[in-house]
């Protein structure tokens, strides 16, 4: 990604080694968390495999990569803040939420309210890829993440997820 602006730390070799000093390690974690969320948002991808030496975890220009243990530590910390969830028992595949599911649900419900969608049914396709959501932050959102955010809304009584004609939709309240 040539148009992604990497933080200066990404070119600093010690950034790719988990630091032992508590204060330095806390700052490193904060920077890594921000980097993961910003990068995944930039590439608009919800799934991250920590076994892969992607651009995110490996900077070839300085011949450094974050080791697997560092990646796992990072993602487990993101999980604690509600910004990630493992997709497998071995914790290799992760779903990344640059907004927590609560935040996504609020963003979606605010859109529905502002656009007169209360007491109206729309399909999940219309929400994630429809003409009415172009320019919205959730446009193009991973379908599984969208459904999880809608389940949060459903648990709060603000929508109902419905299935019809081999399709899924939502009615906002």
N, C-alpha and C. Protein backbone atom coordinates (compact mmCIF):
# COMPACT_ATOMS: atom_id res chain seq x y z
N UNK A 1 0.84 -1.18 0.00
CA UNK A 1 0.00 0.00 0.00
C UNK A 1 0.89 1.24 0.00
N UNK A 2 1.03 1.82 -1.13
CA UNK A 2 1.90 2.99 -1.24
C UNK A 2 1.27 4.22 -0.62
N UNK A 3 -0.05 4.29 -0.54
CA UNK A 3 -0.67 5.49 -0.02
C UNK A 3 -0.94 5.41 1.48
N UNK A 4 -0.54 4.33 2.12
CA UNK A 4 -0.70 4.25 3.58
C UNK A 4 0.49 4.94 4.25
N UNK A 5 0.21 5.78 5.22
CA UNK A 5 1.26 6.50 5.93
C UNK A 5 1.66 5.73 7.18
N UNK A 6 2.75 5.00 7.09
CA UNK A 6 3.24 4.23 8.22
C UNK A 6 3.78 5.17 9.29
N UNK A 7 3.56 4.84 10.58
CA UNK A 7 4.14 5.69 11.62
C UNK A 7 5.66 5.55 11.61
N UNK A 8 6.34 6.53 12.17
CA UNK A 8 7.80 6.50 12.16
C UNK A 8 8.34 5.25 12.85
N UNK A 9 7.61 4.74 13.85
CA UNK A 9 8.06 3.56 14.58
C UNK A 9 8.21 2.34 13.68
N UNK A 10 7.43 2.31 12.59
CA UNK A 10 7.47 1.17 11.68
C UNK A 10 8.85 1.02 11.02
N UNK A 11 9.62 2.07 10.97
CA UNK A 11 10.99 2.01 10.42
C UNK A 11 12.06 1.96 11.50
N UNK A 12 11.63 1.78 12.73
CA UNK A 12 12.53 1.74 13.89
C UNK A 12 12.68 0.27 14.32
N UNK A 13 13.82 -0.35 14.06
CA UNK A 13 13.98 -1.79 14.32
C UNK A 13 13.52 -2.29 15.69
N UNK A 14 13.78 -1.61 16.80
CA UNK A 14 13.32 -2.13 18.10
C UNK A 14 11.80 -2.24 18.23
N UNK A 15 11.07 -1.53 17.38
CA UNK A 15 9.61 -1.61 17.40
C UNK A 15 9.13 -3.04 17.16
N UNK A 16 9.91 -3.82 16.44
CA UNK A 16 9.52 -5.18 16.07
C UNK A 16 9.99 -6.23 17.09
N UNK A 17 10.53 -5.78 18.21
CA UNK A 17 10.92 -6.66 19.31
C UNK A 17 10.14 -6.25 20.54
N UNK A 18 9.41 -7.18 21.15
CA UNK A 18 8.64 -6.84 22.34
C UNK A 18 9.60 -6.41 23.43
N UNK A 19 9.39 -5.20 23.91
CA UNK A 19 10.31 -4.59 24.87
C UNK A 19 10.07 -5.14 26.29
N UNK A 20 11.12 -5.19 27.08
CA UNK A 20 11.01 -5.73 28.44
C UNK A 20 10.69 -4.65 29.48
N UNK A 21 11.12 -3.42 29.26
CA UNK A 21 10.84 -2.34 30.21
C UNK A 21 9.34 -2.02 30.16
N UNK A 22 8.69 -2.03 31.32
CA UNK A 22 7.23 -1.90 31.38
C UNK A 22 6.70 -0.65 30.68
N UNK A 23 7.33 0.50 30.94
CA UNK A 23 6.87 1.74 30.32
C UNK A 23 7.04 1.74 28.81
N UNK A 24 8.17 1.26 28.36
CA UNK A 24 8.44 1.18 26.92
C UNK A 24 7.49 0.19 26.26
N UNK A 25 7.26 -0.93 26.93
CA UNK A 25 6.37 -1.96 26.40
C UNK A 25 4.93 -1.44 26.29
N UNK A 26 4.49 -0.67 27.27
CA UNK A 26 3.14 -0.09 27.22
C UNK A 26 3.00 0.87 26.05
N UNK A 27 4.02 1.71 25.82
CA UNK A 27 3.99 2.63 24.69
C UNK A 27 4.03 1.87 23.37
N UNK A 28 4.84 0.82 23.32
CA UNK A 28 4.93 -0.02 22.12
C UNK A 28 3.56 -0.65 21.83
N UNK A 29 2.91 -1.18 22.86
CA UNK A 29 1.59 -1.79 22.68
C UNK A 29 0.59 -0.78 22.16
N UNK A 30 0.58 0.39 22.73
CA UNK A 30 -0.34 1.43 22.28
C UNK A 30 -0.12 1.77 20.81
N UNK A 31 1.12 1.89 20.41
CA UNK A 31 1.45 2.21 19.01
C UNK A 31 1.04 1.07 18.09
N UNK A 32 1.33 -0.17 18.50
CA UNK A 32 0.95 -1.31 17.67
C UNK A 32 -0.56 -1.41 17.53
N UNK A 33 -1.29 -1.20 18.62
CA UNK A 33 -2.75 -1.28 18.56
C UNK A 33 -3.30 -0.26 17.56
N UNK A 34 -2.81 0.96 17.67
CA UNK A 34 -3.25 2.00 16.74
C UNK A 34 -2.90 1.64 15.31
N UNK A 35 -1.70 1.12 15.11
CA UNK A 35 -1.27 0.73 13.77
C UNK A 35 -2.17 -0.36 13.18
N UNK A 36 -2.44 -1.40 13.95
CA UNK A 36 -3.29 -2.50 13.45
C UNK A 36 -4.67 -1.97 13.07
N UNK A 37 -5.28 -1.20 13.95
CA UNK A 37 -6.63 -0.70 13.68
C UNK A 37 -6.65 0.25 12.48
N UNK A 38 -5.69 1.16 12.43
CA UNK A 38 -5.63 2.10 11.30
C UNK A 38 -5.36 1.39 9.98
N UNK A 39 -4.44 0.43 10.00
CA UNK A 39 -4.09 -0.27 8.78
C UNK A 39 -5.26 -1.12 8.27
N UNK A 40 -5.90 -1.85 9.16
CA UNK A 40 -7.03 -2.68 8.75
C UNK A 40 -8.17 -1.81 8.23
N UNK A 41 -8.36 -0.65 8.85
CA UNK A 41 -9.38 0.28 8.35
C UNK A 41 -8.98 0.79 6.96
N UNK A 42 -7.71 1.11 6.80
CA UNK A 42 -7.23 1.64 5.52
C UNK A 42 -7.43 0.64 4.38
N UNK A 43 -7.13 -0.62 4.64
CA UNK A 43 -7.30 -1.63 3.59
C UNK A 43 -8.71 -2.21 3.59
N UNK A 44 -9.52 -1.77 4.54
CA UNK A 44 -10.93 -2.17 4.66
C UNK A 44 -11.08 -3.70 4.75
N UNK A 45 -10.25 -4.29 5.59
CA UNK A 45 -10.28 -5.74 5.80
C UNK A 45 -10.50 -6.04 7.27
N UNK A 46 -11.43 -6.95 7.56
CA UNK A 46 -11.73 -7.31 8.94
C UNK A 46 -10.92 -8.51 9.41
N UNK A 47 -10.45 -9.34 8.50
CA UNK A 47 -9.76 -10.58 8.87
C UNK A 47 -8.25 -10.39 8.82
N UNK A 48 -7.59 -10.88 9.88
CA UNK A 48 -6.14 -10.79 9.97
C UNK A 48 -5.61 -12.14 10.43
N UNK A 49 -4.67 -12.69 9.66
CA UNK A 49 -4.02 -13.94 10.01
C UNK A 49 -2.64 -13.60 10.58
N UNK A 50 -2.42 -13.94 11.85
CA UNK A 50 -1.16 -13.54 12.48
C UNK A 50 -0.01 -14.48 12.11
N UNK A 51 -0.28 -15.54 11.37
CA UNK A 51 0.79 -16.41 10.88
C UNK A 51 1.45 -15.87 9.62
N UNK A 52 0.76 -14.98 8.94
CA UNK A 52 1.27 -14.45 7.68
C UNK A 52 2.18 -13.24 7.93
N UNK A 53 3.27 -13.20 7.22
CA UNK A 53 4.18 -12.06 7.30
C UNK A 53 3.69 -10.96 6.36
N UNK A 54 2.54 -10.41 6.70
CA UNK A 54 1.98 -9.34 5.88
C UNK A 54 2.78 -8.06 6.08
N UNK A 55 2.50 -7.06 5.26
CA UNK A 55 3.16 -5.76 5.40
C UNK A 55 3.00 -5.22 6.82
N UNK A 56 1.89 -5.52 7.43
CA UNK A 56 1.63 -5.02 8.76
C UNK A 56 2.67 -5.48 9.77
N UNK A 57 3.05 -6.74 9.69
CA UNK A 57 3.95 -7.31 10.68
C UNK A 57 5.40 -7.46 10.21
N UNK A 58 5.66 -7.19 8.96
CA UNK A 58 7.01 -7.39 8.43
C UNK A 58 7.43 -6.20 7.57
N UNK A 59 8.46 -5.52 8.00
CA UNK A 59 9.00 -4.39 7.24
C UNK A 59 10.28 -4.88 6.55
N UNK A 60 10.15 -5.23 5.29
CA UNK A 60 11.29 -5.76 4.54
C UNK A 60 12.41 -4.74 4.36
N UNK A 61 12.07 -3.46 4.33
CA UNK A 61 13.10 -2.44 4.10
C UNK A 61 14.12 -2.37 5.24
N UNK A 62 13.72 -2.83 6.43
CA UNK A 62 14.68 -2.87 7.54
C UNK A 62 14.92 -4.32 8.02
N UNK A 63 14.41 -5.27 7.25
CA UNK A 63 14.58 -6.70 7.55
C UNK A 63 14.13 -7.06 8.97
N UNK A 64 12.95 -6.57 9.34
CA UNK A 64 12.42 -6.86 10.67
C UNK A 64 10.97 -7.31 10.56
N UNK A 65 10.59 -8.20 11.48
CA UNK A 65 9.20 -8.59 11.60
C UNK A 65 8.88 -8.89 13.05
N UNK A 66 7.64 -8.61 13.41
CA UNK A 66 7.19 -8.88 14.76
C UNK A 66 7.02 -10.39 14.89
N UNK A 67 7.65 -11.03 15.90
CA UNK A 67 7.53 -12.48 16.05
C UNK A 67 6.10 -12.90 16.39
N UNK A 68 5.81 -14.16 16.15
CA UNK A 68 4.46 -14.69 16.39
C UNK A 68 3.99 -14.39 17.81
N UNK A 69 4.84 -14.58 18.79
CA UNK A 69 4.45 -14.34 20.18
C UNK A 69 4.04 -12.88 20.39
N UNK A 70 4.74 -11.97 19.74
CA UNK A 70 4.39 -10.55 19.82
C UNK A 70 3.06 -10.27 19.15
N UNK A 71 2.80 -10.93 18.05
CA UNK A 71 1.53 -10.76 17.34
C UNK A 71 0.37 -11.25 18.20
N UNK A 72 0.57 -12.42 18.82
CA UNK A 72 -0.48 -12.99 19.66
C UNK A 72 -0.74 -12.07 20.86
N UNK A 73 0.32 -11.60 21.49
CA UNK A 73 0.19 -10.67 22.61
C UNK A 73 -0.61 -9.44 22.19
N UNK A 74 -0.27 -8.88 21.06
CA UNK A 74 -0.95 -7.70 20.54
C UNK A 74 -2.43 -7.95 20.31
N UNK A 75 -2.76 -9.05 19.64
CA UNK A 75 -4.16 -9.33 19.32
C UNK A 75 -4.96 -9.67 20.57
N UNK A 76 -4.34 -10.33 21.52
CA UNK A 76 -5.05 -10.60 22.78
C UNK A 76 -5.33 -9.30 23.53
N UNK A 77 -4.44 -8.34 23.44
CA UNK A 77 -4.68 -7.03 24.04
C UNK A 77 -5.80 -6.29 23.30
N UNK A 78 -5.82 -6.40 21.98
CA UNK A 78 -6.91 -5.79 21.21
C UNK A 78 -8.25 -6.45 21.57
N UNK A 79 -8.21 -7.73 21.84
CA UNK A 79 -9.43 -8.44 22.24
C UNK A 79 -9.97 -7.87 23.56
N UNK A 80 -9.07 -7.58 24.48
CA UNK A 80 -9.48 -7.04 25.78
C UNK A 80 -10.20 -5.69 25.64
N UNK A 81 -9.83 -4.92 24.64
CA UNK A 81 -10.46 -3.61 24.44
C UNK A 81 -11.68 -3.68 23.52
N UNK A 82 -12.03 -4.89 23.07
CA UNK A 82 -13.20 -5.04 22.20
C UNK A 82 -12.91 -4.75 20.74
N UNK A 83 -11.63 -4.70 20.35
CA UNK A 83 -11.27 -4.39 18.98
C UNK A 83 -10.85 -5.59 18.15
N UNK A 84 -10.92 -6.79 18.73
CA UNK A 84 -10.56 -8.00 17.99
C UNK A 84 -11.22 -9.20 18.65
N UNK A 85 -11.39 -10.24 17.85
CA UNK A 85 -11.93 -11.51 18.35
C UNK A 85 -11.30 -12.64 17.54
N UNK A 86 -10.84 -13.69 18.23
CA UNK A 86 -10.26 -14.81 17.49
C UNK A 86 -11.36 -15.58 16.74
N UNK A 87 -11.02 -16.07 15.57
CA UNK A 87 -11.97 -16.83 14.76
C UNK A 87 -11.72 -18.33 14.84
N UNK A 88 -10.62 -18.73 15.47
CA UNK A 88 -10.31 -20.15 15.63
C UNK A 88 -9.70 -20.39 17.01
N UNK A 89 -9.72 -21.63 17.43
CA UNK A 89 -9.23 -21.98 18.77
C UNK A 89 -7.74 -21.75 18.93
N UNK A 90 -6.99 -21.85 17.84
CA UNK A 90 -5.54 -21.65 17.89
C UNK A 90 -5.15 -20.17 17.86
N UNK A 91 -6.14 -19.31 17.72
CA UNK A 91 -5.95 -17.86 17.69
C UNK A 91 -4.96 -17.42 16.61
N UNK A 92 -5.18 -17.94 15.42
CA UNK A 92 -4.36 -17.54 14.28
C UNK A 92 -5.11 -16.57 13.38
N UNK A 93 -6.41 -16.79 13.22
CA UNK A 93 -7.26 -15.89 12.43
C UNK A 93 -8.02 -15.00 13.39
N UNK A 94 -8.01 -13.71 13.12
CA UNK A 94 -8.67 -12.74 13.99
C UNK A 94 -9.58 -11.84 13.18
N UNK A 95 -10.68 -11.45 13.79
CA UNK A 95 -11.56 -10.43 13.24
C UNK A 95 -11.16 -9.13 13.93
N UNK A 96 -10.92 -8.10 13.14
CA UNK A 96 -10.48 -6.81 13.66
C UNK A 96 -11.62 -5.82 13.54
N UNK A 97 -11.86 -5.10 14.64
CA UNK A 97 -12.91 -4.08 14.68
C UNK A 97 -12.25 -2.72 14.92
N UNK A 98 -12.08 -1.93 13.87
CA UNK A 98 -11.49 -0.61 14.08
C UNK A 98 -12.46 0.27 14.85
N UNK A 99 -13.72 -0.11 14.86
CA UNK A 99 -14.69 0.40 15.83
C UNK A 99 -15.16 -0.84 16.59
N UNK A 100 -15.34 -0.72 17.90
CA UNK A 100 -15.88 -1.86 18.64
C UNK A 100 -17.27 -2.17 18.10
N UNK A 101 -17.79 -3.34 18.42
CA UNK A 101 -19.12 -3.70 17.95
C UNK A 101 -20.18 -2.74 18.50
N UNK A 102 -20.00 -2.26 19.73
CA UNK A 102 -20.92 -1.25 20.28
C UNK A 102 -20.87 0.03 19.46
N UNK A 103 -19.66 0.45 19.09
CA UNK A 103 -19.51 1.66 18.28
C UNK A 103 -20.13 1.48 16.90
N UNK A 104 -19.87 0.32 16.26
CA UNK A 104 -20.47 0.06 14.95
C UNK A 104 -21.99 0.10 15.05
N UNK A 105 -22.53 -0.54 16.10
CA UNK A 105 -23.99 -0.58 16.22
C UNK A 105 -24.56 0.84 16.36
N UNK A 106 -23.89 1.70 17.11
CA UNK A 106 -24.36 3.08 17.26
C UNK A 106 -24.26 3.85 15.94
N UNK A 107 -23.18 3.65 15.21
CA UNK A 107 -23.01 4.31 13.90
C UNK A 107 -24.13 3.91 12.95
N UNK A 108 -24.42 2.61 12.91
CA UNK A 108 -25.47 2.10 12.01
C UNK A 108 -26.83 2.61 12.43
N UNK A 109 -27.12 2.57 13.74
CA UNK A 109 -28.44 3.03 14.20
C UNK A 109 -28.60 4.53 13.99
N UNK A 110 -27.54 5.29 14.20
CA UNK A 110 -27.60 6.74 13.94
C UNK A 110 -27.91 7.00 12.47
N UNK A 111 -27.30 6.21 11.58
CA UNK A 111 -27.59 6.36 10.15
C UNK A 111 -29.06 6.05 9.87
N UNK A 112 -29.54 4.93 10.44
CA UNK A 112 -30.93 4.53 10.22
C UNK A 112 -31.89 5.62 10.70
N UNK A 113 -31.60 6.19 11.85
CA UNK A 113 -32.45 7.26 12.39
C UNK A 113 -32.41 8.49 11.50
N UNK A 114 -31.21 8.91 11.11
CA UNK A 114 -31.05 10.12 10.30
C UNK A 114 -31.64 9.98 8.91
N UNK A 115 -31.75 8.74 8.43
CA UNK A 115 -32.25 8.52 7.06
C UNK A 115 -33.66 7.97 7.01
N UNK A 116 -34.40 8.09 8.09
CA UNK A 116 -35.80 7.69 8.11
C UNK A 116 -36.01 6.19 7.92
N UNK A 117 -35.08 5.39 8.43
CA UNK A 117 -35.18 3.95 8.26
C UNK A 117 -35.83 3.25 9.47
N UNK A 118 -36.27 4.02 10.46
CA UNK A 118 -36.92 3.43 11.62
C UNK A 118 -38.26 2.83 11.17
N UNK A 119 -38.53 1.62 11.64
CA UNK A 119 -39.72 0.84 11.28
C UNK A 119 -39.75 0.48 9.80
N UNK A 120 -38.59 0.40 9.21
CA UNK A 120 -38.45 0.01 7.81
C UNK A 120 -37.49 -1.17 7.74
N UNK A 121 -37.73 -2.05 6.80
CA UNK A 121 -36.84 -3.20 6.61
C UNK A 121 -35.89 -2.92 5.46
N UNK A 122 -34.61 -3.21 5.68
CA UNK A 122 -33.66 -3.16 4.58
C UNK A 122 -32.78 -4.41 4.66
N UNK A 123 -32.26 -4.81 3.53
CA UNK A 123 -31.42 -6.01 3.50
C UNK A 123 -30.03 -5.68 4.01
N UNK A 124 -29.32 -6.72 4.40
CA UNK A 124 -27.93 -6.52 4.81
C UNK A 124 -27.10 -6.03 3.63
N UNK A 125 -27.45 -6.49 2.44
CA UNK A 125 -26.75 -6.01 1.24
C UNK A 125 -26.95 -4.51 1.08
N UNK A 126 -28.18 -4.03 1.28
CA UNK A 126 -28.44 -2.60 1.17
C UNK A 126 -27.61 -1.81 2.18
N UNK A 127 -27.45 -2.37 3.38
CA UNK A 127 -26.65 -1.69 4.40
C UNK A 127 -25.17 -1.64 4.03
N UNK A 128 -24.64 -2.77 3.59
CA UNK A 128 -23.19 -2.82 3.36
C UNK A 128 -22.76 -2.40 1.97
N UNK A 129 -23.66 -2.48 0.99
CA UNK A 129 -23.25 -2.19 -0.38
C UNK A 129 -24.25 -1.36 -1.18
N UNK A 130 -25.31 -0.92 -0.54
CA UNK A 130 -26.34 -0.19 -1.26
C UNK A 130 -25.98 1.25 -1.58
N UNK A 131 -26.70 1.81 -2.52
CA UNK A 131 -26.47 3.20 -2.93
C UNK A 131 -26.70 4.19 -1.79
N UNK A 132 -27.61 3.86 -0.88
CA UNK A 132 -27.94 4.78 0.21
C UNK A 132 -26.86 4.86 1.29
N UNK A 133 -25.90 3.92 1.25
CA UNK A 133 -24.86 3.94 2.28
C UNK A 133 -23.48 4.31 1.73
N UNK A 134 -23.40 4.63 0.45
CA UNK A 134 -22.12 5.06 -0.12
C UNK A 134 -21.64 6.28 0.65
N UNK A 135 -20.40 6.24 1.06
CA UNK A 135 -19.84 7.34 1.84
C UNK A 135 -19.98 7.15 3.35
N UNK A 136 -20.80 6.19 3.75
CA UNK A 136 -20.92 5.89 5.18
C UNK A 136 -19.76 5.00 5.59
N UNK A 137 -19.34 5.12 6.83
CA UNK A 137 -18.18 4.37 7.29
C UNK A 137 -18.42 2.86 7.26
N UNK A 138 -19.65 2.43 7.39
CA UNK A 138 -19.95 1.00 7.38
C UNK A 138 -20.20 0.45 5.98
N UNK A 139 -20.15 1.31 4.96
CA UNK A 139 -20.31 0.84 3.57
C UNK A 139 -19.13 -0.08 3.24
N UNK A 140 -19.42 -1.30 2.82
CA UNK A 140 -18.37 -2.26 2.50
C UNK A 140 -17.89 -3.05 3.70
N UNK A 141 -18.52 -2.85 4.85
CA UNK A 141 -18.12 -3.56 6.06
C UNK A 141 -18.32 -5.06 5.88
N UNK A 142 -17.36 -5.82 6.39
CA UNK A 142 -17.44 -7.28 6.36
C UNK A 142 -18.81 -7.74 6.86
N UNK A 143 -19.44 -8.68 6.14
CA UNK A 143 -20.80 -9.11 6.46
C UNK A 143 -20.90 -9.69 7.87
N UNK A 144 -19.91 -10.46 8.29
CA UNK A 144 -19.95 -11.03 9.63
C UNK A 144 -19.85 -9.96 10.72
N UNK A 145 -19.02 -8.96 10.50
CA UNK A 145 -18.90 -7.86 11.45
C UNK A 145 -20.21 -7.08 11.50
N UNK A 146 -20.80 -6.84 10.33
CA UNK A 146 -22.08 -6.14 10.26
C UNK A 146 -23.14 -6.89 11.05
N UNK A 147 -23.21 -8.19 10.86
CA UNK A 147 -24.21 -8.99 11.58
C UNK A 147 -23.98 -8.97 13.08
N UNK A 148 -22.73 -9.00 13.50
CA UNK A 148 -22.44 -8.93 14.94
C UNK A 148 -22.85 -7.58 15.51
N UNK A 149 -22.60 -6.52 14.77
CA UNK A 149 -23.01 -5.19 15.23
C UNK A 149 -24.53 -5.09 15.31
N UNK A 150 -25.22 -5.68 14.35
CA UNK A 150 -26.68 -5.67 14.37
C UNK A 150 -27.22 -6.50 15.52
N UNK A 151 -26.51 -7.59 15.87
CA UNK A 151 -26.94 -8.39 17.03
C UNK A 151 -26.82 -7.57 18.32
N UNK A 152 -25.81 -6.70 18.39
CA UNK A 152 -25.70 -5.80 19.54
C UNK A 152 -26.92 -4.90 19.60
N UNK A 153 -27.30 -4.33 18.46
CA UNK A 153 -28.50 -3.49 18.41
C UNK A 153 -29.74 -4.27 18.79
N UNK A 154 -29.81 -5.50 18.29
CA UNK A 154 -30.97 -6.36 18.57
C UNK A 154 -31.07 -6.64 20.07
N UNK A 155 -29.94 -6.87 20.71
CA UNK A 155 -29.94 -7.14 22.16
C UNK A 155 -30.39 -5.92 22.96
N UNK A 156 -30.28 -4.73 22.37
CA UNK A 156 -30.72 -3.50 23.02
C UNK A 156 -32.14 -3.12 22.62
N UNK A 157 -32.79 -3.97 21.80
CA UNK A 157 -34.15 -3.69 21.37
C UNK A 157 -34.27 -2.61 20.32
N UNK A 158 -33.17 -2.34 19.60
CA UNK A 158 -33.18 -1.27 18.60
C UNK A 158 -33.34 -1.76 17.17
N UNK A 159 -33.36 -3.07 17.00
CA UNK A 159 -33.60 -3.63 15.67
C UNK A 159 -33.99 -5.10 15.82
N UNK A 160 -34.43 -5.65 14.71
CA UNK A 160 -34.70 -7.08 14.64
C UNK A 160 -34.10 -7.59 13.33
N UNK A 161 -33.29 -8.62 13.44
CA UNK A 161 -32.70 -9.25 12.26
C UNK A 161 -33.70 -10.27 11.76
N UNK A 162 -33.98 -10.23 10.47
CA UNK A 162 -34.97 -11.15 9.90
C UNK A 162 -34.41 -11.82 8.66
N UNK A 163 -34.92 -13.02 8.41
CA UNK A 163 -34.55 -13.77 7.20
C UNK A 163 -35.77 -13.88 6.31
N UNK A 164 -35.57 -13.67 5.01
CA UNK A 164 -36.66 -13.78 4.06
C UNK A 164 -36.11 -14.09 2.68
N UNK A 165 -36.77 -14.97 1.97
CA UNK A 165 -36.44 -15.29 0.57
C UNK A 165 -34.94 -15.46 0.35
N UNK A 166 -34.29 -16.33 1.10
CA UNK A 166 -32.84 -16.56 0.97
C UNK A 166 -32.02 -15.30 1.15
N UNK A 167 -32.51 -14.39 1.93
CA UNK A 167 -31.83 -13.12 2.18
C UNK A 167 -31.96 -12.77 3.65
N UNK A 168 -31.17 -11.84 4.10
CA UNK A 168 -31.26 -11.37 5.47
C UNK A 168 -31.47 -9.88 5.47
N UNK A 169 -32.25 -9.43 6.44
CA UNK A 169 -32.52 -8.02 6.55
C UNK A 169 -32.61 -7.60 8.00
N UNK A 170 -32.90 -6.35 8.17
CA UNK A 170 -33.01 -5.80 9.52
C UNK A 170 -34.11 -4.75 9.52
N UNK A 171 -34.86 -4.75 10.61
CA UNK A 171 -35.87 -3.71 10.83
C UNK A 171 -35.41 -2.92 12.04
N UNK A 172 -35.24 -1.62 11.86
CA UNK A 172 -34.77 -0.75 12.93
C UNK A 172 -35.94 -0.21 13.73
N UNK A 173 -35.71 -0.05 15.01
CA UNK A 173 -36.72 0.54 15.92
C UNK A 173 -36.16 1.81 16.54
